Amino acid sequence: MRNTSYLVPIICLIMMLIIALTSCEKEEYEPWTYVPENQNNDSTTWRDNYTDGGTIPYDTSTAPTLVGTKWVLTKFVTSFATEYPNDTLEFISYNEYTINNGPIPRNYQLSSIPLSTNHELSLYYFTPFGGSHYSANVGYYFIQYGVIDNAEFHNINNTTSKIRAWFKKI
């Protein structure tokens, strides 16, 4: 039988030599030094480079438009009665309409409703409903479809007054 007791120290010595030769070299430690920040070096001075104050212009090319269209009020229902007036509304500009070719233009507003696909149509001094200001939600494609069916118009000044109306584009 052979004596192998001398192999253990030799194997340990070889392993330590391999580890020493292949181990990573440690970086020298550099002490931390505090460098104060310059408080007076503000290079973020804001300048207004916009001639219009930075506002986004209203692009009427993508907004739905009623300009140049005519609509007939075919029916409306109040809490008292149902009427079939057949009054014609002609939208002559982005904010004015006439009733039955009348000489006095009245104001209206068509606007998008945030977080909705509908639009809000407000008709001011709307005489078929009594001359008050009325507003209703209308569908997104109501201009393309050419109808407003069963829209609930609310009196802007008196929210309890409601009128259901039907319009058709001609």
Protein backbone atom coordinates (compact mmCIF):
# COMPACT_ATOMS: atom_id res chain seq x y z
CA MET A 1 0.00 0.00 0.00
CA ARG A 2 1.19 3.41 -0.90
CA ASN A 3 1.45 6.36 1.35
CA THR A 4 -0.68 9.21 -0.10
CA SER A 5 -0.61 11.51 2.86
CA TYR A 6 1.89 13.81 1.22
CA LEU A 7 -0.56 14.47 -1.69
CA VAL A 8 -3.06 16.45 0.40
CA PRO A 9 -0.66 19.33 1.21
CA ILE A 10 0.57 19.37 -2.38
CA ILE A 11 -3.01 19.57 -3.76
CA CYS A 12 -3.84 22.35 -1.29
CA LEU A 13 -0.71 24.25 -2.33
CA ILE A 14 -1.57 23.91 -6.03
CA MET A 15 -5.16 25.08 -5.39
CA MET A 16 -3.96 28.13 -3.48
CA LEU A 17 -1.53 28.97 -6.27
CA ILE A 18 -4.31 28.72 -8.91
CA ILE A 19 -6.64 30.88 -6.85
CA ALA A 20 -3.95 33.49 -6.25
CA LEU A 21 -3.04 33.70 -9.94
CA THR A 22 -6.62 33.83 -11.26
CA SER A 23 -8.33 35.98 -8.66
CA CYS A 24 -9.44 39.53 -9.47
CA GLU A 25 -7.36 42.44 -8.46
CA LYS A 26 -9.09 44.77 -6.02
CA GLU A 27 -9.34 48.46 -6.77
CA GLU A 28 -7.68 50.96 -4.58
CA TYR A 29 -10.11 52.75 -2.26
CA GLU A 30 -10.36 56.48 -2.83
CA PRO A 31 -11.64 58.56 0.05
CA TRP A 32 -14.95 60.41 -0.51
CA THR A 33 -14.76 64.17 -0.78
CA TYR A 34 -17.67 66.65 -0.64
CA VAL A 35 -17.98 69.00 -3.60
CA PRO A 36 -20.57 71.73 -2.97
CA GLU A 37 -23.04 72.43 -5.74
CA ASN A 38 -23.09 75.93 -7.20
CA GLN A 39 -26.48 77.37 -6.24
CA ASN A 40 -26.27 80.42 -8.52
CA ASN A 41 -25.82 78.57 -11.80
CA ASP A 42 -29.41 78.60 -13.13
CA SER A 43 -29.33 77.93 -16.85
CA THR A 44 -33.04 77.06 -17.11
CA THR A 45 -34.37 80.57 -17.67
CA TRP A 46 -37.71 80.19 -19.49
CA ARG A 47 -38.25 82.21 -22.63
CA ASP A 48 -41.57 82.57 -24.46
CA ASN A 49 -40.69 81.75 -28.06
CA TYR A 50 -44.34 81.65 -29.18
CA THR A 51 -45.99 84.61 -30.82
CA ASP A 52 -49.43 83.41 -29.70
CA GLY A 53 -48.50 82.72 -26.08
CA GLY A 54 -48.16 78.99 -26.72
CA THR A 55 -51.83 78.31 -27.36
CA ILE A 56 -52.91 75.69 -29.86
CA PRO A 57 -55.01 77.17 -32.67
CA TYR A 58 -58.53 75.84 -33.18
CA ASP A 59 -58.36 73.66 -36.27
CA THR A 60 -61.74 73.75 -37.95
CA SER A 61 -60.68 71.30 -40.67
CA THR A 62 -60.99 68.29 -38.33
CA ALA A 63 -63.88 69.53 -36.19
CA PRO A 64 -67.41 68.65 -37.28
CA THR A 65 -69.09 71.61 -38.85
CA LEU A 66 -72.70 72.60 -39.32
CA VAL A 67 -71.82 75.59 -41.52
CA GLY A 68 -73.86 75.59 -44.71
CA THR A 69 -76.31 72.91 -43.57
CA LYS A 70 -80.05 73.19 -43.08
CA TRP A 71 -82.04 71.21 -40.55
CA VAL A 72 -85.78 70.84 -40.04
CA LEU A 73 -87.22 70.50 -36.55
CA THR A 74 -89.79 67.81 -37.34
CA LYS A 75 -91.07 67.05 -33.84
CA PHE A 76 -90.62 67.99 -30.20
CA VAL A 77 -92.19 66.71 -27.03
CA THR A 78 -92.61 68.74 -23.85
CA SER A 79 -94.22 67.67 -20.60
CA PHE A 80 -97.46 69.23 -21.91
CA ALA A 81 -97.74 68.34 -25.60
CA THR A 82 -96.22 66.97 -28.79
CA GLU A 83 -95.73 69.45 -31.63
CA TYR A 84 -94.68 69.14 -35.29
CA PRO A 85 -93.42 72.65 -36.14
CA ASN A 86 -91.27 71.99 -39.27
CA ASP A 87 -89.06 75.01 -38.51
CA THR A 88 -85.91 75.25 -40.64
CA LEU A 89 -82.56 76.07 -39.07
CA GLU A 90 -79.76 77.25 -41.35
CA PHE A 91 -76.26 77.32 -39.90
CA ILE A 92 -74.60 80.32 -41.54
CA SER A 93 -71.27 80.39 -39.64
CA TYR A 94 -69.34 78.53 -36.96
CA ASN A 95 -71.45 80.17 -34.26
CA GLU A 96 -74.62 81.60 -35.87
CA TYR A 97 -77.84 80.16 -37.28
CA THR A 98 -81.16 81.50 -38.51
CA ILE A 99 -84.68 80.14 -38.09
CA ASN A 100 -87.00 80.06 -41.13
CA ASN A 101 -84.74 82.45 -43.10
CA GLY A 102 -85.26 85.11 -40.45
CA PRO A 103 -83.25 88.32 -40.55
CA ILE A 104 -81.82 87.94 -37.04
CA PRO A 105 -78.95 85.45 -36.65
CA ARG A 106 -78.84 83.61 -33.36
CA ASN A 107 -75.85 82.00 -31.66
CA TYR A 108 -75.11 78.31 -31.30
CA GLN A 109 -72.22 76.23 -30.08
CA LEU A 110 -71.11 72.75 -31.13
CA SER A 111 -68.39 71.31 -28.92
CA SER A 112 -66.83 67.96 -28.07
CA ILE A 113 -67.61 66.43 -24.71
CA PRO A 114 -64.48 65.31 -22.84
CA LEU A 115 -64.21 61.52 -22.37
CA SER A 116 -67.20 60.96 -24.65
CA THR A 117 -67.84 60.32 -28.32
CA ASN A 118 -70.82 62.69 -28.31
CA HIS A 119 -70.97 66.40 -29.02
CA GLU A 120 -72.90 69.07 -27.20
CA LEU A 121 -75.16 71.25 -29.33
CA SER A 122 -76.34 74.47 -27.68
CA LEU A 123 -78.95 76.63 -29.39
CA TYR A 124 -79.37 80.13 -27.97
CA TYR A 125 -82.62 82.12 -28.22
CA PHE A 126 -84.30 79.08 -29.75
CA THR A 127 -87.85 80.33 -30.39
CA PRO A 128 -89.50 76.96 -31.19
CA PHE A 129 -88.79 75.97 -27.57
CA GLY A 130 -89.87 79.34 -26.19
CA GLY A 131 -86.84 81.53 -26.89
CA SER A 132 -84.53 80.28 -24.15
CA HIS A 133 -81.11 78.67 -24.38
CA TYR A 134 -81.18 74.88 -24.84
CA SER A 135 -78.42 72.29 -24.98
CA ALA A 136 -78.34 68.56 -25.83
CA ASN A 137 -75.90 65.72 -26.37
CA VAL A 138 -75.89 64.59 -29.98
CA GLY A 139 -74.12 61.64 -31.56
CA TYR A 140 -70.64 61.87 -33.02
CA TYR A 141 -71.80 61.21 -36.61
CA PHE A 142 -75.07 63.14 -36.48
CA ILE A 143 -73.95 65.49 -39.26
CA GLN A 144 -72.98 62.62 -41.58
CA TYR A 145 -76.18 60.68 -40.76
CA GLY A 146 -78.31 63.79 -41.15
CA VAL A 147 -80.60 63.11 -38.19
CA ILE A 148 -80.94 63.99 -34.54
CA ASP A 149 -83.39 61.53 -33.03
CA ASN A 150 -84.94 61.89 -29.60
CA ALA A 151 -82.31 64.29 -28.26
CA GLU A 152 -83.02 65.57 -24.77
CA PHE A 153 -82.56 69.35 -24.76
CA HIS A 154 -82.11 70.97 -21.36
CA ASN A 155 -82.85 74.59 -20.65
CA ILE A 156 -79.42 75.99 -19.78
CA ASN A 157 -80.90 78.40 -17.22
CA ASN A 158 -83.44 75.94 -15.76
CA THR A 159 -82.07 72.40 -15.69
CA THR A 160 -85.45 70.85 -14.82
CA SER A 161 -86.99 71.98 -18.13
CA LYS A 162 -86.44 69.25 -20.74
CA ILE A 163 -87.64 68.92 -24.31
CA ARG A 164 -87.15 65.91 -26.59
CA ALA A 165 -86.55 66.88 -30.21
CA TRP A 166 -86.15 65.35 -33.66
CA PHE A 167 -84.26 67.10 -36.48
CA LYS A 168 -83.57 66.07 -40.05
CA LYS A 169 -80.92 67.53 -42.34
CA ILE A 170 -82.19 68.72 -45.71
